[in-house]
C-alpha atoms as a PDB file:
ATOM      1  CA  MET A   1      55.344  23.609   0.269  1.00  0.00           C
ATOM      2  CA  SER A   2      56.189  24.705  -3.280  1.00  0.00           C
ATOM      3  CA  ALA A   3      53.549  25.561  -5.864  1.00  0.00           C
ATOM      4  CA  SER A   4      54.238  22.368  -7.764  1.00  0.00           C
ATOM      5  CA  GLU A   5      53.807  20.306  -4.575  1.00  0.00           C
ATOM      6  CA  ARG A   6      50.439  21.998  -3.907  1.00  0.00           C
ATOM      7  CA  TRP A   7      49.495  21.296  -7.516  1.00  0.00           C
ATOM      8  CA  ARG A   8      50.342  17.592  -7.155  1.00  0.00           C
ATOM      9  CA  LEU A   9      48.190  17.294  -4.016  1.00  0.00           C
ATOM     10  CA  GLU A  10      45.184  19.094  -5.453  1.00  0.00           C
ATOM     11  CA  ASN A  11      41.988  17.072  -5.899  1.00  0.00           C
ATOM     12  CA  PRO A  12      42.192  15.835  -9.511  1.00  0.00           C
ATOM     13  CA  ASP A  13      38.420  16.180  -9.927  1.00  0.00           C
ATOM     14  CA  ASP A  14      38.766  19.951  -9.443  1.00  0.00           C
ATOM     15  CA  LEU A  15      41.520  20.474 -12.015  1.00  0.00           C
ATOM     16  CA  THR A  16      40.990  23.095 -14.679  1.00  0.00           C
ATOM     17  CA  VAL A  17      43.418  24.914 -16.940  1.00  0.00           C
ATOM     18  CA  SER A  18      43.365  27.985 -14.699  1.00  0.00           C
ATOM     19  CA  ARG A  19      44.063  25.970 -11.533  1.00  0.00           C
ATOM     20  CA  VAL A  20      47.027  24.159 -13.070  1.00  0.00           C
ATOM     21  CA  GLU A  21      48.474  27.400 -14.405  1.00  0.00           C
ATOM     22  CA  GLN A  22      47.907  29.216 -11.116  1.00  0.00           C
ATOM     23  CA  ALA A  23      49.692  26.474  -9.178  1.00  0.00           C
ATOM     24  CA  MET A  24      52.603  26.472 -11.617  1.00  0.00           C
ATOM     25  CA  ARG A  25      52.942  30.256 -12.023  1.00  0.00           C
ATOM     26  CA  GLY A  26      56.588  31.197 -11.723  1.00  0.00           C
ATOM     27  CA  ASP A  27      57.526  27.615 -10.867  1.00  0.00           C
ATOM     28  CA  SER A  28      58.292  26.280 -14.310  1.00  0.00           C
ATOM     29  CA  PRO A  29      60.116  27.295 -17.498  1.00  0.00           C
ATOM     30  CA  GLY A  30      57.078  25.921 -19.373  1.00  0.00           C
ATOM     31  CA  MET A  31      54.863  28.428 -17.605  1.00  0.00           C
ATOM     32  CA  ARG A  32      57.027  31.301 -18.809  1.00  0.00           C
ATOM     33  CA  ALA A  33      56.733  29.951 -22.379  1.00  0.00           C
ATOM     34  CA  ARG A  34      52.975  29.450 -22.072  1.00  0.00           C
ATOM     35  CA  ASP A  35      52.044  31.705 -24.953  1.00  0.00           C
ATOM     36  CA  ARG A  36      54.534  30.205 -27.401  1.00  0.00           C
ATOM     37  CA  ASP A  37      52.776  27.798 -29.742  1.00  0.00           C
ATOM     38  CA  LEU A  38      53.796  24.174 -29.419  1.00  0.00           C
ATOM     39  CA  THR A  39      55.201  22.638 -32.570  1.00  0.00           C
ATOM     40  CA  GLU A  40      53.776  19.452 -34.003  1.00  0.00           C
ATOM     41  CA  ALA A  41      57.032  17.756 -32.957  1.00  0.00           C
ATOM     42  CA  GLU A  42      56.307  18.829 -29.355  1.00  0.00           C
ATOM     43  CA  LEU A  43      52.602  17.982 -29.479  1.00  0.00           C
ATOM     44  CA  LEU A  44      52.751  14.507 -31.003  1.00  0.00           C
ATOM     45  CA  PRO A  45      54.713  12.838 -28.164  1.00  0.00           C
ATOM     46  CA  PHE A  46      52.382  14.488 -25.619  1.00  0.00           C
ATOM     47  CA  ILE A  47      49.320  13.296 -27.551  1.00  0.00           C
ATOM     48  CA  GLU A  48      50.686   9.755 -27.844  1.00  0.00           C
ATOM     49  CA  ARG A  49      51.309   9.519 -24.073  1.00  0.00           C
ATOM     50  CA  GLN A  50      47.712  10.366 -23.127  1.00  0.00           C
ATOM     51  CA  GLU A  51      44.796   8.070 -22.400  1.00  0.00           C
ATOM     52  CA  TRP A  52      42.137   8.790 -25.036  1.00  0.00           C
ATOM     53  CA  ARG A  53      38.720   7.452 -23.988  1.00  0.00           C
ATOM     54  CA  PHE A  54      35.957   6.735 -26.454  1.00  0.00           C
ATOM     55  CA  ALA A  55      32.984   9.074 -25.890  1.00  0.00           C
ATOM     56  CA  LYS A  56      30.356   6.338 -25.558  1.00  0.00           C
ATOM     57  CA  THR A  57      27.602   8.808 -24.646  1.00  0.00           C
ATOM     58  CA  MET A  58      27.732  10.173 -28.204  1.00  0.00           C
ATOM     59  CA  PRO A  59      28.079   7.119 -30.474  1.00  0.00           C
ATOM     60  CA  GLN A  60      26.408   9.033 -33.318  1.00  0.00           C
ATOM     61  CA  TRP A  61      29.559  11.233 -33.402  1.00  0.00           C
ATOM     62  CA  PRO A  62      32.443   8.863 -32.636  1.00  0.00           C
ATOM     63  CA  HIS A  63      35.282  10.706 -30.945  1.00  0.00           C
ATOM     64  CA  TRP A  64      37.710  10.342 -28.044  1.00  0.00           C
ATOM     65  CA  TYR A  65      38.598  12.623 -25.159  1.00  0.00           C
ATOM     66  CA  CYS A  66      41.449  13.213 -22.749  1.00  0.00           C
ATOM     67  CA  LEU A  67      40.602  14.461 -19.245  1.00  0.00           C
ATOM     68  CA  LEU A  68      42.945  16.918 -17.574  1.00  0.00           C
ATOM     69  CA  ARG A  69      42.563  15.049 -14.279  1.00  0.00           C
ATOM     70  CA  THR A  70      43.932  11.829 -15.838  1.00  0.00           C
ATOM     71  CA  VAL A  71      46.897  13.509 -17.523  1.00  0.00           C
ATOM     72  CA  PRO A  72      50.167  12.691 -15.741  1.00  0.00           C
ATOM     73  CA  VAL A  73      51.344  15.581 -13.547  1.00  0.00           C
ATOM     74  CA  GLU A  74      54.392  16.182 -15.729  1.00  0.00           C
ATOM     75  CA  ASP A  75      52.124  16.650 -18.801  1.00  0.00           C
ATOM     76  CA  ARG A  76      49.468  18.926 -17.297  1.00  0.00           C
ATOM     77  CA  LEU A  77      51.093  22.187 -18.292  1.00  0.00           C
ATOM     78  CA  THR A  78      51.414  20.930 -21.883  1.00  0.00           C
ATOM     79  CA  PHE A  79      47.707  20.030 -21.788  1.00  0.00           C
ATOM     80  CA  CYS A  80      46.953  23.627 -20.768  1.00  0.00           C
ATOM     81  CA  ARG A  81      49.173  25.072 -23.470  1.00  0.00           C
ATOM     82  CA  PHE A  82      47.571  22.766 -26.071  1.00  0.00           C
ATOM     83  CA  ALA A  83      44.064  23.841 -24.980  1.00  0.00           C
ATOM     84  CA  ARG A  84      45.015  27.513 -25.355  1.00  0.00           C
ATOM     85  CA  GLN A  85      46.642  26.838 -28.719  1.00  0.00           C
ATOM     86  CA  ILE A  86      43.508  25.107 -30.030  1.00  0.00           C
ATOM     87  CA  ARG A  87      41.468  28.221 -29.255  1.00  0.00           C
ATOM     88  CA  ARG A  88      44.109  30.712 -30.375  1.00  0.00           C
ATOM     89  CA  CYS A  89      45.276  29.024 -33.593  1.00  0.00           C
ATOM     90  CA  GLY A  90      42.324  26.855 -34.553  1.00  0.00           C
ATOM     91  CA  TYR A  91      39.688  27.433 -37.188  1.00  0.00           C
ATOM     92  CA  ARG A  92      35.913  27.696 -36.893  1.00  0.00           C
ATOM     93  CA  GLU A  93      33.533  25.142 -38.339  1.00  0.00           C
ATOM     94  CA  PRO A  94      29.862  24.518 -37.740  1.00  0.00           C
ATOM     95  CA  PHE A  95      28.991  21.288 -35.941  1.00  0.00           C
ATOM     96  CA  GLY A  96      25.913  19.075 -36.169  1.00  0.00           C
ATOM     97  CA  LYS A  97      22.350  19.915 -37.129  1.00  0.00           C
ATOM     98  CA  ALA A  98      22.285  23.042 -34.985  1.00  0.00           C
ATOM     99  CA  ARG A  99      25.338  24.308 -36.920  1.00  0.00           C
ATOM    100  CA  LYS A 100      26.874  25.630 -33.701  1.00  0.00           C
ATOM    101  CA  GLU A 101      30.433  26.758 -34.351  1.00  0.00           C
ATOM    102  CA  GLN A 102      33.353  25.076 -32.676  1.00  0.00           C
ATOM    103  CA  ILE A 103      37.073  25.864 -32.883  1.00  0.00           C
ATOM    104  CA  TYR A 104      39.241  23.022 -34.158  1.00  0.00           C
ATOM    105  CA  LEU A 105      42.946  22.468 -34.611  1.00  0.00           C
ATOM    106  CA  ASP A 106      44.348  19.727 -36.834  1.00  0.00           C
ATOM    107  CA  VAL A 107      47.431  17.913 -35.561  1.00  0.00           C
ATOM    108  CA  GLY A 108      48.588  14.844 -37.433  1.00  0.00           C
ATOM    109  CA  PRO A 109      45.588  12.766 -38.560  1.00  0.00           C
ATOM    110  CA  PHE A 110      43.228  14.170 -35.892  1.00  0.00           C
ATOM    111  CA  LYS A 111      41.047  17.224 -35.361  1.00  0.00           C
ATOM    112  CA  TYR A 112      41.092  18.529 -31.755  1.00  0.00           C
ATOM    113  CA  TRP A 113      38.708  20.756 -29.815  1.00  0.00           C
ATOM    114  CA  VAL A 114      38.285  21.694 -26.160  1.00  0.00           C
ATOM    115  CA  MET A 115      35.283  21.455 -23.868  1.00  0.00           C
ATOM    116  CA  GLY A 116      34.653  23.715 -20.938  1.00  0.00           C
ATOM    117  CA  TRP A 117      32.749  26.813 -20.018  1.00  0.00           C
ATOM    118  CA  GLY A 118      34.963  29.291 -21.865  1.00  0.00           C
ATOM    119  CA  LYS A 119      33.625  31.721 -24.418  1.00  0.00           C
ATOM    120  CA  ILE A 120      34.302  30.516 -27.955  1.00  0.00           C
ATOM    121  CA  ASP A 121      35.093  34.087 -29.090  1.00  0.00           C
ATOM    122  CA  ASP A 122      37.856  34.577 -26.554  1.00  0.00           C
ATOM    123  CA  PRO A 123      40.905  32.401 -27.308  1.00  0.00           C
ATOM    124  CA  ALA A 124      42.349  33.205 -23.910  1.00  0.00           C
ATOM    125  CA  ASP A 125      39.214  31.975 -22.139  1.00  0.00           C
ATOM    126  CA  VAL A 126      40.000  28.325 -21.626  1.00  0.00           C
ATOM    127  CA  ASP A 127      40.352  28.670 -17.870  1.00  0.00           C
ATOM    128  CA  ASP A 128      37.613  26.144 -17.137  1.00  0.00           C
ATOM    129  CA  VAL A 129      38.570  23.583 -19.785  1.00  0.00           C
ATOM    130  CA  ILE A 130      38.676  20.076 -18.371  1.00  0.00           C
ATOM    131  CA  LEU A 131      39.063  17.983 -21.520  1.00  0.00           C
ATOM    132  CA  ILE A 132      40.323  17.878 -25.079  1.00  0.00           C
ATOM    133  CA  ASN A 133      38.366  15.969 -27.724  1.00  0.00           C
ATOM    134  CA  ARG A 134      39.584  14.455 -30.959  1.00  0.00           C
ATOM    135  CA  CYS A 135      38.323  12.612 -33.999  1.00  0.00           C
ATOM    136  CA  PRO A 136      40.009  11.560 -37.242  1.00  0.00           C
ATOM    137  CA  ILE A 137      39.981  14.483 -39.672  1.00  0.00           C
ATOM    138  CA  GLU A 138      38.169  12.435 -42.300  1.00  0.00           C
ATOM    139  CA  ASN A 139      35.373  11.648 -39.805  1.00  0.00           C
ATOM    140  CA  ALA A 140      34.625  15.238 -38.850  1.00  0.00           C
ATOM    141  CA  TYR A 141      30.909  15.818 -38.193  1.00  0.00           C
ATOM    142  CA  LEU A 142      29.936  18.945 -40.052  1.00  0.00           C
END
């Protein structure tokens, strides 16, 4: 069984950036280009294909999220690259009353950020990211 076949059979509830990348290592030209930043022209079609769910548990900060486990198999590596790019190329801004910093990346009319257990100071540490959030830039919650 090839790495990509193992990746397709993996329990979607257990998917993280590191697991997708580990399964695809050496199996894909996209994996070899992992550290190259995606252009907006590459990101926008990916973003448009995804299912963005409204975060109803936080109505005070309206935003949407995309879960790695719901991303089509053929788009999962792009999800991982996008998550890394948000951390590597994004900018810091404080969020909410606690003024906790988050790293954001603007693409088109939206501001994107990742959620996981990675350290915010280490752009490479997105191994446990399971979702990408977004909100319209003009509705950012500073």
